[in-house]
């Protein structure tokens, strides 16, 4: 019989009050508190906390406190990832973030969700769907990313957007709900004026 954690990671209904899950959230809160209480000069402490908090961490990670997450060990960060102030990741499902990706202030990444019907919500069970954000992505300030979304490499998400569906590679997308506004041109072959 699968554990509640296994159900959670499989996208099935799970009991968030399971003791193993409660302990996982408590661990993450303690590590987030240590990160949030640290100072810019505490680089070694911050690096140690970040490496302990997340499942896998690349090089050159910078997180401006405060930062919050549910578990941390469901989050994978590539190289050169930057989080501005006050970002939140609810990670009962996997969150995979590629290299060279930047998050503006107050970005919220939600893998957590609940049943649509009230009768199922009353049961106290939750659901989660993974989120993947490609490499070289810029997520502007105040963006909310909904469960199950994939954001393609090199795309930019405009400030205040609510991303409810997949965003392809190489686009600028914005709005509520977020939609593709235009393609981002490859400027590398153009001569400079």
Protein backbone atom coordinates (compact mmCIF):
# COMPACT_ATOMS: atom_id res chain seq x y z
CA UNK A 1 0.00 0.00 0.00
CA UNK A 2 1.50 3.39 -0.98
CA UNK A 3 2.42 5.91 1.70
CA UNK A 4 0.75 9.32 1.78
CA UNK A 5 4.00 10.82 0.45
CA UNK A 6 3.99 8.37 -2.47
CA UNK A 7 0.35 9.26 -3.21
CA UNK A 8 1.23 12.97 -3.02
CA UNK A 9 4.10 12.64 -5.49
CA UNK A 10 1.98 10.46 -7.82
CA UNK A 11 -0.70 13.18 -8.11
CA UNK A 12 -3.28 11.17 -6.16
CA UNK A 13 -5.46 12.33 -3.28
CA UNK A 14 -3.38 12.27 -0.10
CA UNK A 15 -3.74 13.12 3.58
CA UNK A 16 -1.63 16.24 4.38
CA UNK A 17 -1.91 15.46 8.11
CA UNK A 18 0.15 12.28 7.73
CA UNK A 19 2.98 12.38 10.33
CA UNK A 20 5.72 11.93 7.69
CA UNK A 21 4.36 14.89 5.71
CA UNK A 22 3.99 17.03 8.82
CA UNK A 23 7.63 16.29 9.70
CA UNK A 24 8.71 17.20 6.15
CA UNK A 25 6.94 20.55 6.33
CA UNK A 26 8.41 21.25 9.78
CA UNK A 27 11.92 20.50 8.44
CA UNK A 28 11.38 22.93 5.54
CA UNK A 29 10.04 25.65 7.83
CA UNK A 30 13.08 25.35 10.10
CA UNK A 31 15.45 25.60 7.13
CA UNK A 32 13.50 28.52 5.61
CA UNK A 33 13.67 30.31 8.97
CA UNK A 34 17.45 29.83 9.06
CA UNK A 35 17.71 31.19 5.52
CA UNK A 36 15.34 34.09 6.23
CA UNK A 37 17.19 35.05 9.43
CA UNK A 38 20.56 35.10 7.67
CA UNK A 39 22.38 38.19 6.39
CA UNK A 40 23.89 38.84 2.95
CA UNK A 41 27.36 38.26 4.41
CA UNK A 42 26.40 34.77 5.64
CA UNK A 43 27.14 33.18 2.26
CA UNK A 44 28.45 29.88 3.66
CA UNK A 45 25.43 29.50 5.94
CA UNK A 46 23.02 30.32 3.11
CA UNK A 47 24.70 27.86 0.76
CA UNK A 48 24.59 25.10 3.38
CA UNK A 49 20.90 25.75 4.13
CA UNK A 50 19.98 25.86 0.42
CA UNK A 51 21.81 22.59 -0.27
CA UNK A 52 20.06 20.94 2.68
CA UNK A 53 16.63 22.35 1.81
CA UNK A 54 16.34 21.39 -1.86
CA UNK A 55 16.48 18.00 -3.59
CA UNK A 56 19.18 19.07 -6.03
CA UNK A 57 20.95 22.39 -6.40
CA UNK A 58 23.27 23.66 -9.11
CA UNK A 59 25.96 26.29 -8.69
CA UNK A 60 25.49 30.03 -8.13
CA UNK A 61 22.05 29.98 -6.46
CA UNK A 62 20.92 33.24 -4.84
CA UNK A 63 17.74 33.61 -2.80
CA UNK A 64 16.75 36.98 -1.34
CA UNK A 65 14.96 36.37 1.97
CA UNK A 66 12.21 35.91 2.83
CA UNK A 67 11.61 32.68 0.94
CA UNK A 68 9.11 29.96 1.82
CA UNK A 69 8.34 26.44 0.63
CA UNK A 70 6.35 23.42 1.85
CA UNK A 71 8.93 20.62 1.66
CA UNK A 72 11.93 21.79 -0.36
CA UNK A 73 13.03 18.24 -1.12
CA UNK A 74 10.66 18.19 -4.11
CA UNK A 75 12.44 21.17 -5.71
CA UNK A 76 15.34 20.91 -8.18
CA UNK A 77 17.31 24.03 -9.13
CA UNK A 78 19.70 24.27 -12.08
CA UNK A 79 22.78 26.50 -12.16
CA UNK A 80 22.58 30.28 -11.72
CA UNK A 81 19.01 30.53 -10.38
CA UNK A 82 17.90 33.76 -8.70
CA UNK A 83 14.87 34.38 -6.48
CA UNK A 84 14.06 37.97 -5.54
CA UNK A 85 12.38 38.86 -2.22
CA UNK A 86 9.27 37.13 -0.89
CA UNK A 87 8.94 34.14 -3.23
CA UNK A 88 6.86 31.09 -2.29
CA UNK A 89 6.92 27.54 -3.65
CA UNK A 90 4.21 25.12 -2.55
CA UNK A 91 5.90 21.87 -3.51
CA UNK A 92 3.92 18.76 -2.63
CA UNK A 93 4.69 17.80 -6.25
CA UNK A 94 7.98 18.14 -8.10
CA UNK A 95 9.20 21.59 -9.15
CA UNK A 96 12.03 21.56 -11.69
CA UNK A 97 13.75 24.84 -12.53
CA UNK A 98 16.36 25.07 -15.29
CA UNK A 99 19.65 26.95 -15.51
CA UNK A 100 19.91 30.75 -15.65
CA UNK A 101 16.34 31.33 -14.51
CA UNK A 102 15.27 34.45 -12.62
CA UNK A 103 12.23 35.12 -10.45
CA UNK A 104 11.06 38.63 -9.58
CA UNK A 105 9.73 39.55 -6.14
CA UNK A 106 6.62 37.85 -4.78
CA UNK A 107 6.50 35.05 -7.36
CA UNK A 108 4.27 32.20 -6.20
CA UNK A 109 4.66 28.67 -7.57
CA UNK A 110 1.79 26.35 -6.57
CA UNK A 111 1.86 22.62 -7.24
CA UNK A 112 -0.79 22.19 -4.51
CA UNK A 113 -4.45 22.00 -5.43
CA UNK A 114 -7.72 20.69 -4.02
CA UNK A 115 -10.66 18.70 -5.37
CA UNK A 116 -13.20 20.79 -7.28
CA UNK A 117 -16.25 19.32 -5.55
CA UNK A 118 -17.07 20.46 -2.02
CA UNK A 119 -17.91 16.93 -0.87
CA UNK A 120 -14.38 15.73 -1.74
CA UNK A 121 -12.75 18.81 -0.19
CA UNK A 122 -14.57 18.06 3.08
CA UNK A 123 -12.64 14.77 3.24
CA UNK A 124 -9.50 16.81 3.99
CA UNK A 125 -7.48 15.32 1.14
CA UNK A 126 -5.28 17.31 -1.24
CA UNK A 127 -3.76 16.90 -4.69
CA UNK A 128 -0.61 18.16 -6.38
CA UNK A 129 0.64 18.46 -9.96
CA UNK A 130 4.29 19.05 -10.95
CA UNK A 131 5.61 22.29 -12.44
CA UNK A 132 8.58 22.61 -14.78
CA UNK A 133 10.27 25.89 -15.70
CA UNK A 134 12.88 25.71 -18.45
CA UNK A 135 16.33 27.27 -18.65
CA UNK A 136 16.92 30.98 -19.33
CA UNK A 137 13.39 31.93 -18.22
CA UNK A 138 12.52 35.24 -16.56
CA UNK A 139 9.42 35.21 -14.35
CA UNK A 140 8.60 38.83 -13.47
CA UNK A 141 7.33 40.10 -10.13
CA UNK A 142 4.00 39.03 -8.68
CA UNK A 143 3.48 36.09 -11.06
CA UNK A 144 1.41 33.10 -9.90
CA UNK A 145 2.16 29.74 -11.54
CA UNK A 146 -0.65 27.17 -11.21
CA UNK A 147 -0.35 23.39 -10.71
CA UNK A 148 0.73 21.28 -13.67
CA UNK A 149 2.18 24.13 -15.76
CA UNK A 150 5.29 23.87 -17.97
CA UNK A 151 7.09 27.08 -19.03
CA UNK A 152 9.39 26.62 -22.01
CA UNK A 153 13.03 27.68 -22.19
CA UNK A 154 13.96 31.31 -22.87
CA UNK A 155 10.44 32.62 -22.28
CA UNK A 156 9.50 35.71 -20.27
CA UNK A 157 6.39 35.94 -18.10
CA UNK A 158 5.09 39.50 -17.57
CA UNK A 159 4.58 40.98 -14.10
CA UNK A 160 1.38 40.07 -12.29
CA UNK A 161 0.47 37.24 -14.66
CA UNK A 162 -1.46 34.16 -13.58
CA UNK A 163 -0.08 31.19 -15.51
CA UNK A 164 -2.80 28.54 -15.76
CA UNK A 165 -1.60 26.60 -18.82
CA UNK A 166 1.65 25.65 -20.54
CA UNK A 167 3.76 28.39 -22.12
CA UNK A 168 5.97 27.42 -25.11
CA UNK A 169 9.65 28.24 -25.57
CA UNK A 170 10.87 31.65 -26.77
CA UNK A 171 7.77 33.75 -26.08
CA UNK A 172 6.70 36.74 -24.05
CA UNK A 173 3.48 35.86 -22.22
CA UNK A 174 1.41 37.95 -19.82
CA UNK A 175 -2.04 38.52 -18.37
CA UNK A 176 -4.70 36.83 -16.29
CA UNK A 177 -4.97 34.21 -17.52
CA UNK A 178 -1.46 34.37 -18.98
CA UNK A 179 -1.34 34.07 -22.77
CA UNK A 180 1.34 34.37 -25.41
CA UNK A 181 1.73 37.99 -26.53
CA UNK A 182 4.52 37.54 -29.06
CA UNK A 183 7.54 35.44 -30.00
CA UNK A 184 10.94 36.54 -28.78
CA UNK A 185 13.16 37.05 -31.80
CA UNK A 186 16.61 35.55 -31.93
CA UNK A 187 18.75 38.68 -32.12
CA UNK A 188 22.15 36.96 -32.24
CA UNK A 189 22.38 37.10 -36.07
CA UNK A 190 21.41 40.78 -36.41
CA UNK A 191 24.01 43.48 -36.90
CA UNK A 192 24.14 46.15 -34.25
CA UNK A 193 23.20 49.71 -35.22
